[in-house]
All heavy atoms as atom14 arrays in JSON, in Angstrom:
{
  "sequence": "IVSNNRSGSRVTEFCADLGVPYQGRAGKPSPRGL",
  "atom14_mask": [
    [1, 1, 1, 1, 1, 1, 1, 1, 0, 0, 0, 0, 0, 0],
    [1, 1, 1, 1, 1, 1, 1, 0, 0, 0, 0, 0, 0, 0],
    [1, 1, 1, 1, 1, 1, 0, 0, 0, 0, 0, 0, 0, 0],
    [1, 1, 1, 1, 1, 1, 1, 1, 0, 0, 0, 0, 0, 0],
    [1, 1, 1, 1, 1, 1, 1, 1, 0, 0, 0, 0, 0, 0],
    [1, 1, 1, 1, 1, 1, 1, 1, 1, 1, 1, 0, 0, 0],
    [1, 1, 1, 1, 1, 1, 0, 0, 0, 0, 0, 0, 0, 0],
    [1, 1, 1, 1, 0, 0, 0, 0, 0, 0, 0, 0, 0, 0],
    [1, 1, 1, 1, 1, 1, 0, 0, 0, 0, 0, 0, 0, 0],
    [1, 1, 1, 1, 1, 1, 1, 1, 1, 1, 1, 0, 0, 0],
    [1, 1, 1, 1, 1, 1, 1, 0, 0, 0, 0, 0, 0, 0],
    [1, 1, 1, 1, 1, 1, 1, 0, 0, 0, 0, 0, 0, 0],
    [1, 1, 1, 1, 1, 1, 1, 1, 1, 0, 0, 0, 0, 0],
    [1, 1, 1, 1, 1, 1, 1, 1, 1, 1, 1, 0, 0, 0],
    [1, 1, 1, 1, 1, 1, 0, 0, 0, 0, 0, 0, 0, 0],
    [1, 1, 1, 1, 1, 0, 0, 0, 0, 0, 0, 0, 0, 0],
    [1, 1, 1, 1, 1, 1, 1, 1, 0, 0, 0, 0, 0, 0],
    [1, 1, 1, 1, 1, 1, 1, 1, 0, 0, 0, 0, 0, 0],
    [1, 1, 1, 1, 0, 0, 0, 0, 0, 0, 0, 0, 0, 0],
    [1, 1, 1, 1, 1, 1, 1, 0, 0, 0, 0, 0, 0, 0],
    [1, 1, 1, 1, 1, 1, 1, 0, 0, 0, 0, 0, 0, 0],
    [1, 1, 1, 1, 1, 1, 1, 1, 1, 1, 1, 1, 0, 0],
    [1, 1, 1, 1, 1, 1, 1, 1, 1, 0, 0, 0, 0, 0],
    [1, 1, 1, 1, 0, 0, 0, 0, 0, 0, 0, 0, 0, 0],
    [1, 1, 1, 1, 1, 1, 1, 1, 1, 1, 1, 0, 0, 0],
    [1, 1, 1, 1, 1, 0, 0, 0, 0, 0, 0, 0, 0, 0],
    [1, 1, 1, 1, 0, 0, 0, 0, 0, 0, 0, 0, 0, 0],
    [1, 1, 1, 1, 1, 1, 1, 1, 1, 0, 0, 0, 0, 0],
    [1, 1, 1, 1, 1, 1, 1, 0, 0, 0, 0, 0, 0, 0],
    [1, 1, 1, 1, 1, 1, 0, 0, 0, 0, 0, 0, 0, 0],
    [1, 1, 1, 1, 1, 1, 1, 0, 0, 0, 0, 0, 0, 0],
    [1, 1, 1, 1, 1, 1, 1, 1, 1, 1, 1, 0, 0, 0],
    [1, 1, 1, 1, 0, 0, 0, 0, 0, 0, 0, 0, 0, 0],
    [1, 1, 1, 1, 1, 1, 1, 1, 0, 0, 0, 0, 0, 0]
  ],
  "atom14_positions": [
    [[-20.04, 75.45, 33.71], [-19.29, 76.23, 34.76], [-19.97, 76.11, 36.1], [-21.21, 76.22, 36.18], [-19.09, 77.7, 34.3], [-18.14, 77.71, 33.16], [-18.6, 78.52, 35.5], [-17.91, 79.13, 32.63], [0.0, 0.0, 0.0], [0.0, 0.0, 0.0], [0.0, 0.0, 0.0], [0.0, 0.0, 0.0], [0.0, 0.0, 0.0], [0.0, 0.0, 0.0]],
    [[-19.2, 75.77, 37.1], [-19.66, 75.6, 38.46], [-18.93, 76.56, 39.33], [-17.69, 76.47, 39.51], [-19.46, 74.18, 38.94], [-20.01, 74.04, 40.38], [-20.22, 73.2, 38.05], [0.0, 0.0, 0.0], [0.0, 0.0, 0.0], [0.0, 0.0, 0.0], [0.0, 0.0, 0.0], [0.0, 0.0, 0.0], [0.0, 0.0, 0.0], [0.0, 0.0, 0.0]],
    [[-19.6, 77.63, 39.82], [-18.94, 78.65, 40.53], [-19.57, 78.99, 41.98], [-20.75, 78.93, 42.04], [-19.02, 79.9, 39.6], [-18.43, 81.01, 40.32], [0.0, 0.0, 0.0], [0.0, 0.0, 0.0], [0.0, 0.0, 0.0], [0.0, 0.0, 0.0], [0.0, 0.0, 0.0], [0.0, 0.0, 0.0], [0.0, 0.0, 0.0], [0.0, 0.0, 0.0]],
    [[-18.71, 79.33, 42.85], [-19.13, 79.83, 44.11], [-19.48, 81.33, 44.11], [-19.94, 81.92, 45.05], [-18.03, 79.71, 45.16], [-17.9, 78.29, 45.66], [-18.68, 77.35, 45.43], [-16.91, 78.06, 46.52], [0.0, 0.0, 0.0], [0.0, 0.0, 0.0], [0.0, 0.0, 0.0], [0.0, 0.0, 0.0], [0.0, 0.0, 0.0], [0.0, 0.0, 0.0]],
    [[-19.31, 81.92, 43.03], [-19.49, 83.42, 42.9], [-20.84, 83.74, 43.4], [-21.82, 83.33, 42.95], [-19.23, 83.86, 41.38], [-19.01, 85.28, 41.22], [-19.7, 86.14, 41.82], [-17.93, 85.57, 40.51], [0.0, 0.0, 0.0], [0.0, 0.0, 0.0], [0.0, 0.0, 0.0], [0.0, 0.0, 0.0], [0.0, 0.0, 0.0], [0.0, 0.0, 0.0]],
    [[-20.91, 84.72, 44.36], [-22.23, 85.11, 44.87], [-22.85, 86.19, 44.06], [-24.15, 86.34, 44.12], [-21.95, 85.69, 46.36], [-21.63, 84.66, 47.28], [-21.43, 85.12, 48.67], [-21.06, 84.06, 49.6], [-19.88, 83.75, 49.94], [-18.83, 84.47, 49.5], [-19.57, 82.81, 50.76], [0.0, 0.0, 0.0], [0.0, 0.0, 0.0], [0.0, 0.0, 0.0]],
    [[-22.14, 86.94, 43.4], [-22.69, 87.99, 42.46], [-22.79, 87.38, 41.05], [-21.74, 87.32, 40.33], [-21.88, 89.19, 42.42], [-22.3, 90.12, 41.45], [0.0, 0.0, 0.0], [0.0, 0.0, 0.0], [0.0, 0.0, 0.0], [0.0, 0.0, 0.0], [0.0, 0.0, 0.0], [0.0, 0.0, 0.0], [0.0, 0.0, 0.0], [0.0, 0.0, 0.0]],
    [[-23.98, 86.8, 40.69], [-23.96, 86.04, 39.45], [-24.03, 86.76, 38.18], [-24.02, 86.2, 37.19], [0.0, 0.0, 0.0], [0.0, 0.0, 0.0], [0.0, 0.0, 0.0], [0.0, 0.0, 0.0], [0.0, 0.0, 0.0], [0.0, 0.0, 0.0], [0.0, 0.0, 0.0], [0.0, 0.0, 0.0], [0.0, 0.0, 0.0], [0.0, 0.0, 0.0]],
    [[-24.12, 88.1, 38.29], [-24.26, 88.73, 36.88], [-23.09, 88.62, 36.03], [-23.33, 88.4, 34.92], [-24.55, 90.3, 37.26], [-23.49, 90.97, 37.92], [0.0, 0.0, 0.0], [0.0, 0.0, 0.0], [0.0, 0.0, 0.0], [0.0, 0.0, 0.0], [0.0, 0.0, 0.0], [0.0, 0.0, 0.0], [0.0, 0.0, 0.0], [0.0, 0.0, 0.0]],
    [[-21.96, 88.84, 36.43], [-20.69, 88.7, 35.64], [-20.65, 87.22, 35.11], [-20.46, 86.98, 33.95], [-19.47, 89.03, 36.35], [-18.22, 88.96, 35.36], [-16.92, 89.26, 36.11], [-16.61, 88.17, 37.02], [-15.94, 87.09, 36.73], [-15.54, 86.85, 35.53], [-15.65, 86.21, 37.68], [0.0, 0.0, 0.0], [0.0, 0.0, 0.0], [0.0, 0.0, 0.0]],
    [[-20.85, 86.28, 36.02], [-20.73, 84.86, 35.59], [-21.78, 84.56, 34.56], [-21.54, 83.91, 33.57], [-20.69, 83.9, 36.79], [-20.54, 82.41, 36.44], [-19.57, 84.33, 37.72], [0.0, 0.0, 0.0], [0.0, 0.0, 0.0], [0.0, 0.0, 0.0], [0.0, 0.0, 0.0], [0.0, 0.0, 0.0], [0.0, 0.0, 0.0], [0.0, 0.0, 0.0]],
    [[-22.99, 84.96, 34.92], [-24.18, 84.77, 33.96], [-23.89, 85.29, 32.63], [-24.14, 84.61, 31.59], [-25.41, 85.34, 34.59], [-25.65, 84.76, 35.88], [-26.65, 85.05, 33.71], [0.0, 0.0, 0.0], [0.0, 0.0, 0.0], [0.0, 0.0, 0.0], [0.0, 0.0, 0.0], [0.0, 0.0, 0.0], [0.0, 0.0, 0.0], [0.0, 0.0, 0.0]],
    [[-23.34, 86.52, 32.54], [-23.14, 87.12, 31.26], [-21.97, 86.34, 30.57], [-22.05, 86.12, 29.35], [-22.54, 88.66, 31.52], [-23.67, 89.49, 31.86], [-23.05, 90.86, 32.31], [-21.95, 91.23, 31.99], [-23.82, 91.69, 33.05], [0.0, 0.0, 0.0], [0.0, 0.0, 0.0], [0.0, 0.0, 0.0], [0.0, 0.0, 0.0], [0.0, 0.0, 0.0]],
    [[-20.95, 85.98, 31.27], [-19.81, 85.29, 30.75], [-20.26, 84.02, 30.07], [-19.87, 83.62, 28.97], [-18.75, 85.07, 31.85], [-17.41, 84.65, 31.37], [-16.4, 85.54, 31.19], [-17.11, 83.29, 31.08], [-15.2, 85.22, 30.78], [-15.87, 82.9, 30.63], [-14.85, 83.85, 30.5], [0.0, 0.0, 0.0], [0.0, 0.0, 0.0], [0.0, 0.0, 0.0]],
    [[-21.11, 83.19, 30.86], [-21.56, 81.97, 30.37], [-22.49, 82.13, 29.23], [-22.53, 81.22, 28.33], [-22.27, 81.2, 31.56], [-21.09, 80.56, 32.77], [0.0, 0.0, 0.0], [0.0, 0.0, 0.0], [0.0, 0.0, 0.0], [0.0, 0.0, 0.0], [0.0, 0.0, 0.0], [0.0, 0.0, 0.0], [0.0, 0.0, 0.0], [0.0, 0.0, 0.0]],
    [[-23.4, 83.09, 29.24], [-24.37, 83.36, 28.19], [-23.55, 83.64, 26.8], [-23.91, 83.2, 25.8], [-25.33, 84.52, 28.49], [0.0, 0.0, 0.0], [0.0, 0.0, 0.0], [0.0, 0.0, 0.0], [0.0, 0.0, 0.0], [0.0, 0.0, 0.0], [0.0, 0.0, 0.0], [0.0, 0.0, 0.0], [0.0, 0.0, 0.0], [0.0, 0.0, 0.0]],
    [[-22.49, 84.45, 26.94], [-21.72, 84.78, 25.9], [-20.99, 83.51, 25.22], [-20.88, 83.45, 24.03], [-20.56, 85.75, 26.36], [-19.89, 86.45, 25.16], [-20.12, 86.1, 24.03], [-19.11, 87.41, 25.4], [0.0, 0.0, 0.0], [0.0, 0.0, 0.0], [0.0, 0.0, 0.0], [0.0, 0.0, 0.0], [0.0, 0.0, 0.0], [0.0, 0.0, 0.0]],
    [[-20.64, 82.62, 26.1], [-20.01, 81.36, 25.76], [-21.04, 80.31, 25.27], [-20.7, 79.37, 24.54], [-19.21, 80.71, 26.9], [-17.84, 81.1, 27.11], [-17.26, 80.38, 28.27], [-16.94, 80.8, 25.87], [0.0, 0.0, 0.0], [0.0, 0.0, 0.0], [0.0, 0.0, 0.0], [0.0, 0.0, 0.0], [0.0, 0.0, 0.0], [0.0, 0.0, 0.0]],
    [[-22.33, 80.58, 25.69], [-23.33, 79.53, 25.31], [-23.25, 78.24, 26.21], [-23.49, 77.22, 25.61], [0.0, 0.0, 0.0], [0.0, 0.0, 0.0], [0.0, 0.0, 0.0], [0.0, 0.0, 0.0], [0.0, 0.0, 0.0], [0.0, 0.0, 0.0], [0.0, 0.0, 0.0], [0.0, 0.0, 0.0], [0.0, 0.0, 0.0], [0.0, 0.0, 0.0]],
    [[-22.75, 78.38, 27.37], [-22.65, 77.28, 28.31], [-23.45, 77.42, 29.59], [-23.75, 78.52, 30.0], [-21.17, 77.0, 28.72], [-20.3, 76.75, 27.44], [-20.58, 78.11, 29.64], [0.0, 0.0, 0.0], [0.0, 0.0, 0.0], [0.0, 0.0, 0.0], [0.0, 0.0, 0.0], [0.0, 0.0, 0.0], [0.0, 0.0, 0.0], [0.0, 0.0, 0.0]],
    [[-24.0, 76.27, 30.05], [-24.79, 76.39, 31.38], [-23.86, 76.69, 32.53], [-22.66, 76.57, 32.53], [-25.35, 74.98, 31.44], [-24.66, 74.14, 30.54], [-23.92, 74.99, 29.56], [0.0, 0.0, 0.0], [0.0, 0.0, 0.0], [0.0, 0.0, 0.0], [0.0, 0.0, 0.0], [0.0, 0.0, 0.0], [0.0, 0.0, 0.0], [0.0, 0.0, 0.0]],
    [[-24.5, 77.19, 33.59], [-23.84, 77.68, 34.76], [-24.61, 77.18, 36.0], [-25.86, 77.44, 36.14], [-23.82, 79.18, 34.69], [-23.64, 79.98, 35.95], [-22.52, 79.75, 36.74], [-24.41, 81.04, 36.28], [-22.33, 80.4, 37.9], [-24.25, 81.72, 37.41], [-23.17, 81.51, 38.27], [-23.01, 82.18, 39.31], [0.0, 0.0, 0.0], [0.0, 0.0, 0.0]],
    [[-23.9, 76.68, 36.85], [-24.34, 76.23, 38.18], [-23.73, 77.22, 39.21], [-22.53, 77.18, 39.45], [-24.01, 74.81, 38.58], [-24.56, 74.3, 39.86], [-26.0, 74.19, 39.82], [-26.65, 73.66, 38.94], [-26.66, 74.68, 40.97], [0.0, 0.0, 0.0], [0.0, 0.0, 0.0], [0.0, 0.0, 0.0], [0.0, 0.0, 0.0], [0.0, 0.0, 0.0]],
    [[-24.62, 78.11, 39.73], [-24.16, 79.11, 40.64], [-24.19, 78.77, 42.04], [-24.91, 77.8, 42.37], [0.0, 0.0, 0.0], [0.0, 0.0, 0.0], [0.0, 0.0, 0.0], [0.0, 0.0, 0.0], [0.0, 0.0, 0.0], [0.0, 0.0, 0.0], [0.0, 0.0, 0.0], [0.0, 0.0, 0.0], [0.0, 0.0, 0.0], [0.0, 0.0, 0.0]],
    [[-23.62, 79.63, 42.93], [-23.59, 79.35, 44.36], [-23.38, 77.9, 44.66], [-24.21, 77.38, 45.47], [-24.97, 80.0, 44.91], [-25.03, 81.52, 44.7], [-26.32, 82.03, 45.25], [-26.42, 83.38, 44.9], [-27.0, 84.34, 45.54], [-27.51, 84.01, 46.67], [-26.95, 85.56, 45.12], [0.0, 0.0, 0.0], [0.0, 0.0, 0.0], [0.0, 0.0, 0.0]],
    [[-22.4, 77.44, 44.13], [-22.1, 75.93, 44.25], [-21.76, 75.46, 45.66], [-21.95, 74.35, 46.01], [-21.0, 75.59, 43.37], [0.0, 0.0, 0.0], [0.0, 0.0, 0.0], [0.0, 0.0, 0.0], [0.0, 0.0, 0.0], [0.0, 0.0, 0.0], [0.0, 0.0, 0.0], [0.0, 0.0, 0.0], [0.0, 0.0, 0.0], [0.0, 0.0, 0.0]],
    [[-21.23, 76.34, 46.43], [-20.89, 76.02, 47.86], [-19.66, 75.16, 48.1], [-19.63, 74.4, 48.99], [0.0, 0.0, 0.0], [0.0, 0.0, 0.0], [0.0, 0.0, 0.0], [0.0, 0.0, 0.0], [0.0, 0.0, 0.0], [0.0, 0.0, 0.0], [0.0, 0.0, 0.0], [0.0, 0.0, 0.0], [0.0, 0.0, 0.0], [0.0, 0.0, 0.0]],
    [[-18.83, 75.16, 46.97], [-17.67, 74.33, 47.08], [-16.77, 74.75, 48.29], [-16.74, 75.98, 48.48], [-16.73, 74.51, 45.82], [-17.38, 74.04, 44.58], [-16.54, 74.31, 43.24], [-16.58, 75.86, 42.99], [-15.78, 76.31, 41.86], [0.0, 0.0, 0.0], [0.0, 0.0, 0.0], [0.0, 0.0, 0.0], [0.0, 0.0, 0.0], [0.0, 0.0, 0.0]],
    [[-16.38, 73.81, 49.12], [-16.07, 72.47, 48.89], [-17.17, 71.5, 49.03], [-16.96, 70.22, 48.89], [-14.87, 72.14, 49.84], [-15.26, 72.99, 51.01], [-15.85, 74.23, 50.4], [0.0, 0.0, 0.0], [0.0, 0.0, 0.0], [0.0, 0.0, 0.0], [0.0, 0.0, 0.0], [0.0, 0.0, 0.0], [0.0, 0.0, 0.0], [0.0, 0.0, 0.0]],
    [[-18.4, 71.84, 49.42], [-19.49, 70.91, 49.41], [-19.7, 70.31, 48.02], [-19.49, 71.1, 47.02], [-20.82, 71.63, 49.88], [-21.84, 70.79, 49.58], [0.0, 0.0, 0.0], [0.0, 0.0, 0.0], [0.0, 0.0, 0.0], [0.0, 0.0, 0.0], [0.0, 0.0, 0.0], [0.0, 0.0, 0.0], [0.0, 0.0, 0.0], [0.0, 0.0, 0.0]],
    [[-19.97, 69.04, 47.99], [-20.17, 68.44, 46.62], [-21.53, 68.8, 46.02], [-21.81, 68.47, 44.87], [-20.1, 66.98, 46.88], [-20.48, 66.81, 48.34], [-20.04, 68.1, 49.08], [0.0, 0.0, 0.0], [0.0, 0.0, 0.0], [0.0, 0.0, 0.0], [0.0, 0.0, 0.0], [0.0, 0.0, 0.0], [0.0, 0.0, 0.0], [0.0, 0.0, 0.0]],
    [[-22.38, 69.51, 46.78], [-23.86, 69.7, 46.26], [-23.99, 70.43, 44.96], [-24.81, 70.04, 44.12], [-24.67, 70.3, 47.4], [-24.31, 71.68, 47.67], [-25.24, 72.2, 48.92], [-24.58, 73.32, 49.43], [-24.61, 74.61, 49.07], [-25.34, 74.91, 48.0], [-24.01, 75.62, 49.73], [0.0, 0.0, 0.0], [0.0, 0.0, 0.0], [0.0, 0.0, 0.0]],
    [[-23.04, 71.43, 44.7], [-23.12, 72.18, 43.43], [-22.75, 71.33, 42.26], [-23.33, 71.37, 41.26], [0.0, 0.0, 0.0], [0.0, 0.0, 0.0], [0.0, 0.0, 0.0], [0.0, 0.0, 0.0], [0.0, 0.0, 0.0], [0.0, 0.0, 0.0], [0.0, 0.0, 0.0], [0.0, 0.0, 0.0], [0.0, 0.0, 0.0], [0.0, 0.0, 0.0]],
    [[-21.73, 70.48, 42.52], [-21.21, 69.53, 41.45], [-22.33, 68.47, 41.21], [-22.62, 68.17, 40.01], [-19.95, 68.81, 41.9], [-18.64, 69.64, 41.63], [-18.59, 70.81, 42.56], [-17.42, 68.82, 41.77], [0.0, 0.0, 0.0], [0.0, 0.0, 0.0], [0.0, 0.0, 0.0], [0.0, 0.0, 0.0], [0.0, 0.0, 0.0], [0.0, 0.0, 0.0]]
  ]
}
């Protein structure tokens, strides 16, 4: 998951529950997060 979400707690919990990695504060549309 690659998210612009600034408050990472919900996304972090969601990803942990799924067992998937998370790239936060991606800054989309910048390609740097991807």
